Amino acid sequence: MIKIILPLFVVLLFSSLTHVNAQKVWTLEECISYAFENNITVKRQALNAAYQQNELQQSKMNRLPDLNAQTSYGHSYGYTWVQQEAENIDVNNRSFGMGIGTSVDVFNGFSARNTVRRNKIDLMASLASNEVVKNDIALRITSQYLQILFDKELLAVAKEQYEVTNQQVERALKLVAAGSEARGSYLEIKSQAAKEALTVTQQENNLALSILDLAQLLDLENVDGFDVVSPVMPEIEGMKLNKADEVYAIAVDIMPQIKKANYTLESSEIDVNIAKSNYYPSLSLSAQWGASANWLMEDPNGFNRSLGDQINSTKNTYIGASLNIPIFNKLQTRTNVKNARISVLDAKFSLQQEKLALRKEIQQAYADALAAYNKYLSSYEAVMSYKESFRYTEQKFSVGLVNSVDFNVAKTDFTRAQSDLLQSKYEYILRNKILDFYKGIPIVL
């Protein structure tokens, strides 16, 4: 019996643990953190930064002397003419050589130094690009997270309205059975209940799709049971709305897209100096040491010397300097400098474009937030008004003073006002969070 129960207990325990794990709910902070660690775009951008780091390190190493060793071995055979003997003789000869050399650039028009400076700036630009990608992901996740919360509240409203109508259906059925109300009224209110049941189903589907969209945004392999935490939302009245100009004045100094554009401009300015370096003479130093040896494979006359003796007698050292003075290179340097200056102008336009785009984004977010807040105030008043009107109509409908058509109209108006209120509420929260984000404040709920 124990042999049967124990495996069954293990299976049930594992299933319970699996269910609990599948039902884990995510906070907004967890979603953003997970995306930063696992998003492929972020990982690829990190690889680009690592590549730029390697380029910077190599440009520093390029200023050091190089050192190369070489060795050679050869075997030659055939006939050669010997003047003393006045005849061709068969020669089987082998040779060996070795050497080591080094060279260093003493002056190259400051090209190496400027290349290091440019690669440092390019690395900073790459890191800024990584922050741009992260910011974009954080905003997309926040928007989708709030969409889920909005859909959850809409679903709750739809269920609540359906429950109210369903109670009226039960009441009408009892009145019809008692002969106090016509069957037509019961059928009308039942039809309304069926419509609202369909609305509940539609809202459930919308919520499921919103949750799926966020799970796919996080690149989750298994989306079963995925859900998010529904935090206590801040009161709209207590959320300060900063002016667009105030937000922009802060954002223009901290947003990574602006930093990246500035780095790109600075890098292009250094490229002009690198291009100009070809106008200057270049000076390099080099040194070499080498030795060689030759011997006959067949040496009946004892001409061959030992390898060490030949190396010592043939070793040689060379130290030299090379000065290259550019005189005319088909105007290639001048063309490169012109093109580099064009790149500087393009980088300046790109920086202006990024600043304009940032200003427009902030202005749009502020305008949307202000519109959402005004809509929220109007919707709140509408909800209070329609709520009272619906309560009054519901009371009269319960005693038969109004028909089901009037009841449904009042109920529909109330539901629509609730939907508008929720929509404006979450729109305002989202835009307000975006404005805070542009000020460097992390997104939290």
Protein backbone atom coordinates (compact mmCIF):
# COMPACT_ATOMS: atom_id res chain seq x y z
CA MET A 1 0.00 0.00 0.00
CA ILE A 2 2.87 2.37 0.90
CA LYS A 3 4.50 1.61 -2.46
CA ILE A 4 1.36 2.85 -4.17
CA ILE A 5 0.70 5.92 -2.02
CA LEU A 6 4.27 7.27 -1.95
CA PRO A 7 4.66 7.68 -5.75
CA LEU A 8 1.18 9.19 -5.91
CA PHE A 9 2.12 11.70 -3.19
CA VAL A 10 5.28 12.67 -5.07
CA VAL A 11 3.34 13.22 -8.29
CA LEU A 12 0.74 15.36 -6.51
CA LEU A 13 3.44 17.39 -4.76
CA PHE A 14 5.29 18.00 -8.02
CA SER A 15 2.05 19.01 -9.74
CA SER A 16 1.28 21.42 -6.90
CA LEU A 17 4.72 23.00 -7.07
CA THR A 18 4.47 23.29 -10.84
CA HIS A 19 1.08 24.96 -10.55
CA VAL A 20 2.36 27.42 -7.95
CA ASN A 21 5.34 28.28 -10.14
CA ALA A 22 3.14 28.70 -13.20
CA GLN A 23 0.89 31.07 -11.29
CA LYS A 24 3.72 33.45 -10.30
CA VAL A 25 2.68 37.04 -10.87
CA TRP A 26 5.18 39.65 -12.07
CA THR A 27 5.67 43.21 -10.93
CA LEU A 28 6.53 45.92 -13.43
CA GLU A 29 10.05 46.14 -12.02
CA GLU A 30 10.53 42.37 -12.46
CA CYS A 31 9.33 42.55 -16.06
CA ILE A 32 11.75 45.36 -16.91
CA SER A 33 14.66 43.70 -15.10
CA TYR A 34 13.99 40.38 -16.84
CA ALA A 35 13.89 42.08 -20.24
CA PHE A 36 17.20 43.85 -19.60
CA GLU A 37 18.86 40.52 -18.79
CA ASN A 38 17.31 38.37 -21.51
CA ASN A 39 16.27 40.58 -24.44
CA ILE A 40 18.24 39.64 -27.55
CA THR A 41 18.45 43.24 -28.79
CA VAL A 42 20.05 44.28 -25.49
CA LYS A 43 22.48 41.36 -25.69
CA ARG A 44 23.47 42.23 -29.24
CA GLN A 45 24.05 45.85 -28.29
CA ALA A 46 26.23 44.66 -25.41
CA LEU A 47 28.28 42.68 -27.93
CA ASN A 48 28.72 45.83 -29.98
CA ALA A 49 30.04 47.62 -26.90
CA ALA A 50 32.46 44.75 -26.27
CA TYR A 51 33.63 45.04 -29.89
CA GLN A 52 34.26 48.77 -29.45
CA GLN A 53 36.18 48.02 -26.25
CA ASN A 54 38.44 45.68 -28.21
CA GLU A 55 38.95 48.33 -30.90
CA LEU A 56 39.99 50.83 -28.24
CA GLN A 57 42.43 48.39 -26.65
CA GLN A 58 43.95 47.54 -30.02
CA SER A 59 44.41 51.20 -30.97
CA LYS A 60 46.41 51.65 -27.75
CA MET A 61 48.53 48.60 -28.54
CA ASN A 62 49.22 49.89 -32.06
CA ARG A 63 51.45 52.60 -30.59
CA LEU A 64 53.89 50.00 -29.23
CA PRO A 65 56.86 48.59 -31.20
CA ASP A 66 56.32 45.32 -33.01
CA LEU A 67 58.69 42.36 -32.80
CA ASN A 68 58.96 39.59 -35.39
CA ALA A 69 61.29 36.63 -35.76
CA GLN A 70 61.86 34.66 -38.94
CA THR A 71 63.76 31.59 -39.97
CA SER A 72 64.33 29.83 -43.28
CA TYR A 73 65.67 26.54 -44.52
CA GLY A 74 66.32 25.54 -48.13
CA HIS A 75 67.65 22.70 -50.20
CA SER A 76 69.05 23.24 -53.67
CA TYR A 77 70.54 20.75 -56.07
CA GLY A 78 71.58 20.60 -59.71
CA TYR A 79 74.59 21.42 -61.86
CA THR A 80 76.81 24.47 -61.71
CA TRP A 81 79.77 25.56 -63.83
CA VAL A 82 83.12 25.62 -62.07
CA GLN A 83 85.58 27.85 -63.93
CA GLN A 84 88.68 26.36 -62.35
CA GLU A 85 87.69 22.86 -63.37
CA ALA A 86 86.17 23.96 -66.67
CA GLU A 87 83.24 21.61 -66.18
CA ASN A 88 79.75 21.25 -64.71
CA ILE A 89 79.58 19.61 -61.34
CA ASP A 90 76.64 18.21 -59.44
CA VAL A 91 75.91 20.38 -56.38
CA ASN A 92 73.66 19.34 -53.47
CA ASN A 93 73.46 22.35 -51.19
CA ARG A 94 71.45 23.29 -48.09
CA SER A 95 70.99 26.69 -46.48
CA PHE A 96 69.69 28.07 -43.21
CA GLY A 97 68.86 31.61 -42.13
CA MET A 98 67.33 33.34 -39.11
CA GLY A 99 66.65 36.83 -37.93
CA ILE A 100 64.63 39.09 -35.67
CA GLY A 101 63.36 42.59 -36.30
CA THR A 102 61.38 45.40 -34.71
CA SER A 103 59.91 48.70 -35.83
CA VAL A 104 58.07 51.58 -34.22
CA ASP A 105 56.25 54.65 -35.53
CA VAL A 106 57.82 57.75 -34.02
CA PHE A 107 55.53 60.29 -35.65
CA ASN A 108 52.53 59.77 -37.92
CA GLY A 109 50.80 63.12 -37.82
CA PHE A 110 49.17 62.30 -34.44
CA SER A 111 47.02 59.71 -36.21
CA ALA A 112 47.57 57.01 -33.58
CA ARG A 113 46.79 59.35 -30.69
CA ASN A 114 43.64 60.65 -32.38
CA THR A 115 42.55 57.11 -33.22
CA VAL A 116 42.69 56.21 -29.52
CA ARG A 117 40.64 59.32 -28.67
CA ARG A 118 38.06 58.49 -31.33
CA ASN A 119 37.74 54.86 -30.21
CA LYS A 120 37.14 56.04 -26.63
CA ILE A 121 34.30 58.24 -27.87
CA ASP A 122 32.92 55.42 -30.04
CA LEU A 123 32.85 53.16 -26.98
CA MET A 124 30.88 55.78 -25.05
CA ALA A 125 28.48 56.10 -28.00
CA SER A 126 28.01 52.33 -28.03
CA LEU A 127 27.22 52.29 -24.31
CA ALA A 128 24.74 55.13 -24.84
CA SER A 129 23.10 53.11 -27.62
CA ASN A 130 22.66 50.28 -25.16
CA GLU A 131 20.83 52.64 -22.81
CA VAL A 132 18.62 53.82 -25.68
CA VAL A 133 17.58 50.21 -26.35
CA LYS A 134 16.87 49.61 -22.66
CA ASN A 135 14.81 52.79 -22.38
CA ASP A 136 12.72 51.84 -25.38
CA ILE A 137 12.07 48.38 -23.92
CA ALA A 138 11.19 49.83 -20.50
CA LEU A 139 8.64 52.21 -22.01
CA ARG A 140 7.07 49.50 -24.17
CA ILE A 141 6.79 47.15 -21.19
CA THR A 142 5.28 49.90 -19.02
CA SER A 143 2.71 50.73 -21.68
CA GLN A 144 1.70 47.09 -22.08
CA TYR A 145 1.67 46.51 -18.31
CA LEU A 146 -0.75 49.41 -17.82
CA GLN A 147 -2.86 48.09 -20.71
CA ILE A 148 -3.25 44.83 -18.77
CA LEU A 149 -4.30 46.70 -15.63
CA PHE A 150 -6.78 48.73 -17.70
CA ASP A 151 -8.24 45.58 -19.25
CA LYS A 152 -8.55 43.99 -15.81
CA GLU A 153 -10.58 46.92 -14.52
CA LEU A 154 -12.75 46.92 -17.64
CA LEU A 155 -13.39 43.23 -17.09
CA ALA A 156 -14.37 43.90 -13.48
CA VAL A 157 -16.81 46.61 -14.61
CA ALA A 158 -18.28 44.30 -17.26
CA LYS A 159 -18.79 41.50 -14.70
CA GLU A 160 -20.34 43.89 -12.24
CA GLN A 161 -22.79 45.23 -14.81
CA TYR A 162 -23.63 41.72 -15.95
CA GLU A 163 -24.35 40.69 -12.35
CA VAL A 164 -26.68 43.68 -11.90
CA THR A 165 -28.58 42.83 -15.10
CA ASN A 166 -28.69 39.16 -14.16
CA GLN A 167 -30.38 40.06 -10.89
CA GLN A 168 -32.99 41.99 -12.84
CA VAL A 169 -33.52 38.94 -15.06
CA GLU A 170 -34.26 36.81 -12.00
CA ARG A 171 -36.59 39.47 -10.61
CA ALA A 172 -38.44 39.81 -13.95
CA LEU A 173 -38.84 36.04 -14.20
CA LYS A 174 -40.50 35.94 -10.78
CA LEU A 175 -42.82 38.82 -11.71
CA VAL A 176 -43.82 37.08 -14.97
CA ALA A 177 -44.50 33.87 -13.06
CA ALA A 178 -46.68 35.84 -10.62
CA GLY A 179 -48.50 37.54 -13.50
CA SER A 180 -47.31 41.01 -12.39
CA GLU A 181 -45.28 41.74 -15.52
CA ALA A 182 -45.55 41.02 -19.21
CA ARG A 183 -43.29 38.32 -20.66
CA GLY A 184 -41.98 40.84 -23.22
CA SER A 185 -40.21 42.83 -20.49
CA TYR A 186 -38.56 39.67 -19.22
CA LEU A 187 -37.33 38.78 -22.71
CA GLU A 188 -35.92 42.27 -23.23
CA ILE A 189 -33.94 42.26 -20.01
CA LYS A 190 -32.79 38.70 -20.69
CA SER A 191 -31.55 39.82 -24.12
CA GLN A 192 -29.62 42.63 -22.45
CA ALA A 193 -28.06 40.12 -20.05
CA ALA A 194 -26.97 37.98 -23.01
CA LYS A 195 -25.28 41.01 -24.61
CA GLU A 196 -23.48 41.80 -21.38
CA ALA A 197 -22.36 38.18 -21.02
CA LEU A 198 -20.84 38.52 -24.48
CA THR A 199 -19.15 41.76 -23.35
CA VAL A 200 -17.64 39.89 -20.41
CA THR A 201 -16.28 37.24 -22.77
CA GLN A 202 -14.85 39.88 -25.07
CA GLN A 203 -13.16 41.65 -22.18
CA GLU A 204 -11.72 38.34 -20.98
CA ASN A 205 -10.33 37.76 -24.45
CA ASN A 206 -8.89 41.28 -24.56
CA LEU A 207 -7.21 40.72 -21.20
CA ALA A 208 -5.78 37.39 -22.31
CA LEU A 209 -4.36 38.97 -25.47
CA SER A 210 -2.85 41.85 -23.48
CA ILE A 211 -1.16 39.39 -21.13
CA LEU A 212 0.10 37.40 -24.12
CA ASP A 213 1.50 40.55 -25.72
CA LEU A 214 3.51 41.34 -22.60
CA ALA A 215 4.75 37.75 -22.27
CA GLN A 216 5.90 37.82 -25.89
CA LEU A 217 7.51 41.22 -25.32
CA LEU A 218 9.54 39.53 -22.58
CA ASP A 219 10.36 36.61 -24.94
CA LEU A 220 9.07 34.07 -22.42
CA GLU A 221 9.22 30.50 -23.66
CA ASN A 222 6.21 29.37 -21.62
CA VAL A 223 3.37 31.88 -21.26
CA ASP A 224 0.95 29.53 -19.45
CA GLY A 225 -0.11 31.03 -16.14
CA PHE A 226 1.74 34.28 -16.74
CA ASP A 227 0.11 37.23 -14.99
CA VAL A 228 1.05 40.57 -13.47
CA VAL A 229 0.61 42.16 -10.07
CA SER A 230 -2.20 44.69 -9.79
CA PRO A 231 -0.65 47.37 -7.57
CA VAL A 232 -2.50 50.11 -5.76
CA MET A 233 -2.59 52.83 -8.37
CA PRO A 234 -1.68 56.39 -7.35
CA GLU A 235 -4.39 58.97 -6.95
CA ILE A 236 -4.65 61.15 -10.05
CA GLU A 237 -5.11 64.29 -8.03
CA GLY A 238 -1.82 63.71 -6.21
CA MET A 239 0.31 63.28 -9.32
CA LYS A 240 2.20 66.43 -10.28
CA LEU A 241 2.32 67.26 -13.98
CA ASN A 242 5.53 69.07 -14.96
CA LYS A 243 5.59 71.52 -17.84
CA ALA A 244 7.04 70.23 -21.11
CA ASP A 245 9.81 72.87 -21.18
CA GLU A 246 10.87 71.99 -17.63
CA VAL A 247 11.07 68.31 -18.50
CA TYR A 248 12.98 68.98 -21.72
CA ALA A 249 15.56 71.13 -19.94
CA ILE A 250 16.44 68.09 -17.79
CA ALA A 251 16.01 65.42 -20.45
CA VAL A 252 18.32 67.05 -23.01
CA ASP A 253 21.24 66.59 -20.59
CA ILE A 254 20.54 63.00 -19.47
CA MET A 255 18.76 61.12 -22.25
CA PRO A 256 21.10 58.56 -23.87
CA GLN A 257 19.99 59.32 -27.43
CA ILE A 258 21.26 62.89 -27.00
CA LYS A 259 24.49 61.64 -25.44
CA LYS A 260 24.96 59.23 -28.32
CA ALA A 261 24.45 61.99 -30.90
CA ASN A 262 26.96 64.19 -29.05
CA TYR A 263 29.50 61.36 -28.99
CA THR A 264 28.97 60.77 -32.71
CA LEU A 265 29.61 64.46 -33.39
CA GLU A 266 32.77 64.45 -31.29
CA SER A 267 33.99 61.28 -33.03
CA SER A 268 33.43 62.81 -36.48
CA GLU A 269 35.41 65.91 -35.45
CA ILE A 270 38.34 63.70 -34.47
CA ASP A 271 38.06 61.95 -37.84
CA VAL A 272 38.89 65.29 -39.47
CA ASN A 273 42.18 65.40 -37.54
CA ILE A 274 42.91 61.79 -38.47
CA ALA A 275 42.37 62.62 -42.15
CA LYS A 276 44.65 65.68 -41.83
CA SER A 277 47.44 63.51 -40.41
CA ASN A 278 48.27 62.39 -43.96
CA TYR A 279 49.44 65.93 -44.71
CA TYR A 280 52.35 65.49 -42.29
CA PRO A 281 55.60 63.56 -42.76
CA SER A 282 55.83 60.24 -40.95
CA LEU A 283 58.91 58.90 -39.18
CA SER A 284 59.58 55.32 -38.14
CA LEU A 285 62.53 53.45 -36.65
CA SER A 286 63.45 49.83 -37.33
CA ALA A 287 66.12 47.37 -36.23
CA GLN A 288 67.03 43.88 -37.46
CA TRP A 289 69.47 41.14 -36.62
CA GLY A 290 70.16 38.13 -38.83
CA ALA A 291 72.56 35.33 -39.73
CA SER A 292 72.81 32.53 -42.30
CA ALA A 293 74.66 29.32 -43.08
CA ASN A 294 75.27 27.11 -46.15
CA TRP A 295 76.75 23.67 -46.48
CA LEU A 296 77.21 20.95 -49.06
CA MET A 297 75.56 17.62 -48.49
CA GLU A 298 78.59 15.89 -50.05
CA ASP A 299 81.83 17.52 -48.96
CA PRO A 300 84.81 15.30 -49.75
CA ASN A 301 87.19 18.30 -49.66
CA GLY A 302 86.11 19.52 -46.19
CA PHE A 303 84.74 22.87 -47.26
CA ASN A 304 81.79 22.80 -44.79
CA ARG A 305 82.09 24.73 -41.56
CA SER A 306 80.03 24.11 -38.44
CA LEU A 307 76.65 25.78 -38.13
CA GLY A 308 77.69 27.80 -35.08
CA ASP A 309 80.83 29.01 -36.81
CA GLN A 310 78.86 30.16 -39.85
CA ILE A 311 76.20 31.90 -37.70
CA ASN A 312 78.89 33.80 -35.80
CA SER A 313 80.67 34.82 -38.98
CA THR A 314 77.54 35.97 -40.86
CA LYS A 315 75.53 37.67 -38.13
CA ASN A 316 74.63 41.24 -38.90
CA THR A 317 72.68 44.06 -37.26
CA TYR A 318 70.71 46.84 -38.90
CA ILE A 319 69.33 50.01 -37.33
CA GLY A 320 67.59 52.55 -39.51
CA ALA A 321 65.06 55.32 -39.75
CA SER A 322 62.51 55.95 -42.44
CA LEU A 323 61.06 59.39 -43.18
CA ASN A 324 58.11 59.58 -45.55
CA ILE A 325 57.26 63.07 -46.86
CA PRO A 326 53.95 63.33 -48.74
CA ILE A 327 54.24 65.51 -51.84
CA PHE A 328 51.37 64.55 -54.12
CA ASN A 329 48.90 61.70 -53.72
CA LYS A 330 46.32 62.65 -56.32
CA LEU A 331 44.59 64.97 -53.81
CA GLN A 332 43.33 61.94 -51.91
CA THR A 333 44.11 63.45 -48.51
CA ARG A 334 42.29 66.67 -49.33
CA THR A 335 39.25 64.69 -50.47
CA ASN A 336 39.30 62.62 -47.26
CA VAL A 337 39.44 65.80 -45.17
CA LYS A 338 36.50 67.29 -47.09
CA ASN A 339 34.45 64.13 -46.61
CA ALA A 340 35.31 64.08 -42.90
CA ARG A 341 34.07 67.66 -42.56
CA ILE A 342 30.86 66.70 -44.35
CA SER A 343 30.41 63.94 -41.76
CA VAL A 344 30.80 66.56 -39.03
CA LEU A 345 27.99 68.64 -40.53
CA ASP A 346 25.82 65.55 -40.84
CA ALA A 347 26.52 64.66 -37.18
CA LYS A 348 25.50 68.20 -36.15
CA PHE A 349 22.22 67.84 -38.06
CA SER A 350 21.69 64.43 -36.47
CA LEU A 351 22.17 65.97 -33.01
CA GLN A 352 19.67 68.73 -33.81
CA GLN A 353 17.25 66.13 -35.13
CA GLU A 354 17.53 64.06 -31.94
CA LYS A 355 16.91 67.14 -29.81
CA LEU A 356 13.87 68.10 -31.90
CA ALA A 357 12.52 64.54 -31.70
CA LEU A 358 13.00 64.53 -27.92
CA ARG A 359 11.27 67.91 -27.57
CA LYS A 360 8.33 66.70 -29.69
CA GLU A 361 8.04 63.46 -27.69
CA ILE A 362 7.94 65.40 -24.41
CA GLN A 363 5.50 67.96 -25.77
CA GLN A 364 3.25 65.15 -27.05
CA ALA A 365 3.43 63.28 -23.74
CA TYR A 366 2.55 66.48 -21.87
CA ALA A 367 -0.34 67.28 -24.22
CA ASP A 368 -1.65 63.70 -23.94
CA ALA A 369 -1.33 63.80 -20.15
CA LEU A 370 -3.15 67.13 -19.92
CA ALA A 371 -5.91 65.90 -22.24
CA ALA A 372 -6.23 62.67 -20.27
CA TYR A 373 -6.45 64.61 -16.99
CA ASN A 374 -9.17 66.89 -18.34
CA LYS A 375 -11.00 63.87 -19.70
CA TYR A 376 -10.63 62.19 -16.32
CA LEU A 377 -12.24 65.14 -14.54
CA SER A 378 -15.11 65.21 -17.01
CA SER A 379 -15.51 61.45 -16.91
CA TYR A 380 -15.54 61.47 -13.12
CA GLU A 381 -18.36 63.95 -13.08
CA ALA A 382 -20.15 61.91 -15.74
CA VAL A 383 -19.74 58.70 -13.72
CA MET A 384 -21.16 60.35 -10.62
CA SER A 385 -24.08 61.72 -12.63
CA TYR A 386 -24.82 58.52 -14.56
CA LYS A 387 -24.40 56.43 -11.42
CA GLU A 388 -27.09 58.40 -9.64
CA SER A 389 -29.28 58.38 -12.73
CA PHE A 390 -28.88 54.62 -13.15
CA ARG A 391 -29.62 54.00 -9.45
CA TYR A 392 -32.80 56.05 -9.74
CA THR A 393 -33.83 54.31 -12.99
CA GLU A 394 -33.09 50.91 -11.44
CA GLN A 395 -35.36 51.69 -8.51
CA LYS A 396 -38.18 52.77 -10.82
CA PHE A 397 -37.59 49.70 -13.02
CA SER A 398 -37.89 47.47 -9.97
CA VAL A 399 -41.38 48.83 -9.24
CA GLY A 400 -42.43 48.89 -12.89
CA LEU A 401 -42.40 52.66 -13.43
CA VAL A 402 -39.99 52.42 -16.41
CA ASN A 403 -39.56 49.75 -19.04
CA SER A 404 -36.48 47.68 -19.84
CA VAL A 405 -35.46 50.00 -22.70
CA ASP A 406 -35.06 52.95 -20.33
CA PHE A 407 -33.25 50.72 -17.87
CA ASN A 408 -30.81 49.51 -20.54
CA VAL A 409 -30.14 53.06 -21.80
CA ALA A 410 -29.31 54.28 -18.30
CA LYS A 411 -27.14 51.26 -17.66
CA THR A 412 -25.27 51.62 -20.96
CA ASP A 413 -24.57 55.30 -20.28
CA PHE A 414 -23.22 54.44 -16.84
CA THR A 415 -20.99 51.67 -18.20
CA ARG A 416 -19.63 53.88 -20.96
CA ALA A 417 -18.82 56.62 -18.47
CA GLN A 418 -16.96 54.11 -16.29
CA SER A 419 -14.97 52.93 -19.31
CA ASP A 420 -14.06 56.51 -20.27
CA LEU A 421 -12.97 57.21 -16.70
CA LEU A 422 -10.69 54.17 -16.61
CA GLN A 423 -9.22 54.94 -20.01
CA SER A 424 -8.38 58.53 -19.09
CA LYS A 425 -7.00 57.39 -15.74
CA TYR A 426 -4.49 54.94 -17.21
CA GLU A 427 -3.63 57.25 -20.08
CA TYR A 428 -2.76 59.99 -17.61
CA ILE A 429 -0.70 57.63 -15.44
CA LEU A 430 1.24 56.37 -18.47
CA ARG A 431 2.01 59.84 -19.84
CA ASN A 432 2.93 61.10 -16.38
CA LYS A 433 5.32 58.18 -15.90
CA ILE A 434 6.85 58.91 -19.30
CA LEU A 435 7.44 62.54 -18.33
CA ASP A 436 9.05 61.41 -15.07
CA PHE A 437 11.16 58.95 -17.05
CA TYR A 438 12.48 61.79 -19.22
CA LYS A 439 13.55 63.50 -16.00
CA GLY A 440 15.62 60.46 -15.04
CA ILE A 441 13.12 59.03 -12.54
CA PRO A 442 12.86 55.20 -12.80
CA ILE A 443 9.46 53.80 -13.73
CA VAL A 444 7.76 52.17 -10.74
CA LEU A 445 4.17 51.42 -9.85
